[in-house]
Protein backbone atom coordinates (compact mmCIF):
# COMPACT_ATOMS: atom_id res chain seq x y z
CA MET A 1 0.00 0.00 0.00
CA LEU A 2 1.24 3.49 -0.82
CA LYS A 3 1.90 6.03 1.88
CA THR A 4 0.14 9.38 1.64
CA ASN A 5 3.23 11.27 0.46
CA GLU A 6 4.03 8.61 -2.20
CA ARG A 7 0.51 8.72 -3.57
CA SER A 8 0.57 12.51 -3.99
CA ASN A 9 3.62 12.26 -6.28
CA ASN A 10 1.61 10.26 -8.82
CA MET A 11 -1.46 12.46 -8.96
CA THR A 12 -2.40 14.50 -12.00
CA ASP A 13 -1.21 18.10 -12.05
CA MET A 14 -4.56 19.89 -11.92
CA THR A 15 -3.02 23.15 -13.22
CA LYS A 16 -2.37 21.55 -16.64
CA TYR A 17 -5.76 20.03 -17.42
CA LYS A 18 -9.44 20.95 -17.67
CA ASN A 19 -12.51 18.78 -18.16
CA ILE A 20 -15.20 19.13 -20.79
CA SER A 21 -18.63 17.55 -21.05
CA LEU A 22 -19.72 15.93 -24.29
CA LYS A 23 -22.95 14.59 -25.66
CA HIS A 24 -22.95 10.81 -25.88
CA ILE A 25 -22.97 10.93 -29.69
CA ASP A 26 -19.86 13.17 -29.72
CA TYR A 27 -18.07 10.91 -27.24
CA ASN A 28 -18.84 7.91 -29.44
CA LEU A 29 -17.54 9.75 -32.52
CA ILE A 30 -14.28 10.56 -30.73
CA ASP A 31 -14.00 6.90 -29.83
CA LYS A 32 -14.32 5.94 -33.51
CA ILE A 33 -11.99 8.69 -34.75
CA ARG A 34 -9.24 7.81 -32.26
CA ARG A 35 -8.95 4.35 -33.80
CA VAL A 36 -8.38 5.59 -37.37
CA LEU A 37 -6.70 8.99 -37.03
CA VAL A 38 -3.17 7.53 -36.82
CA PRO A 39 -2.59 4.27 -38.71
CA ASN A 40 -1.73 1.21 -36.58
CA MET A 41 -2.26 3.14 -33.35
CA ILE A 42 -5.15 3.87 -31.02
CA LEU A 43 -4.90 7.34 -29.53
CA SER A 44 -6.33 8.39 -26.20
CA ARG A 45 -9.49 10.44 -26.34
CA SER A 46 -7.65 13.50 -25.06
CA GLN A 47 -4.93 13.12 -27.73
CA THR A 48 -7.65 12.82 -30.36
CA VAL A 49 -9.41 15.97 -29.20
CA SER A 50 -6.08 17.86 -29.10
CA ILE A 51 -5.20 16.81 -32.65
CA LEU A 52 -8.63 17.80 -33.96
CA ILE A 53 -8.53 21.17 -32.18
CA ASN A 54 -5.02 21.97 -33.41
CA ASP A 55 -5.93 21.02 -37.00
CA LYS A 56 -8.96 23.30 -36.85
CA ALA A 57 -6.90 26.15 -35.36
CA LYS A 58 -4.40 25.87 -38.23
CA LYS A 59 -7.23 26.00 -40.76
CA LEU A 60 -8.55 29.18 -39.17
CA ASN A 61 -5.19 30.73 -40.16
CA GLY A 62 -4.88 33.66 -37.81
CA LYS A 63 -8.59 34.29 -37.28
CA LEU A 64 -8.25 33.39 -33.60
CA LYS A 65 -7.68 36.33 -31.31
CA LYS A 66 -5.14 36.16 -28.51
CA LYS A 67 -6.23 37.38 -25.09
């Protein structure tokens, strides 16, 4: 069994991540896309979403405003 201080070293850094809620149909689509996006590899759902977002951002070609 892990001690309290050992367990805290393995926890997710909450300052780097956020959660989103998805409709079931969108979640299922991500699950299908993650299996075909990269040949011979199944991506995680978060990797899939990141790839799709970055591709879309590139296509917007400077239309995004920086805060």
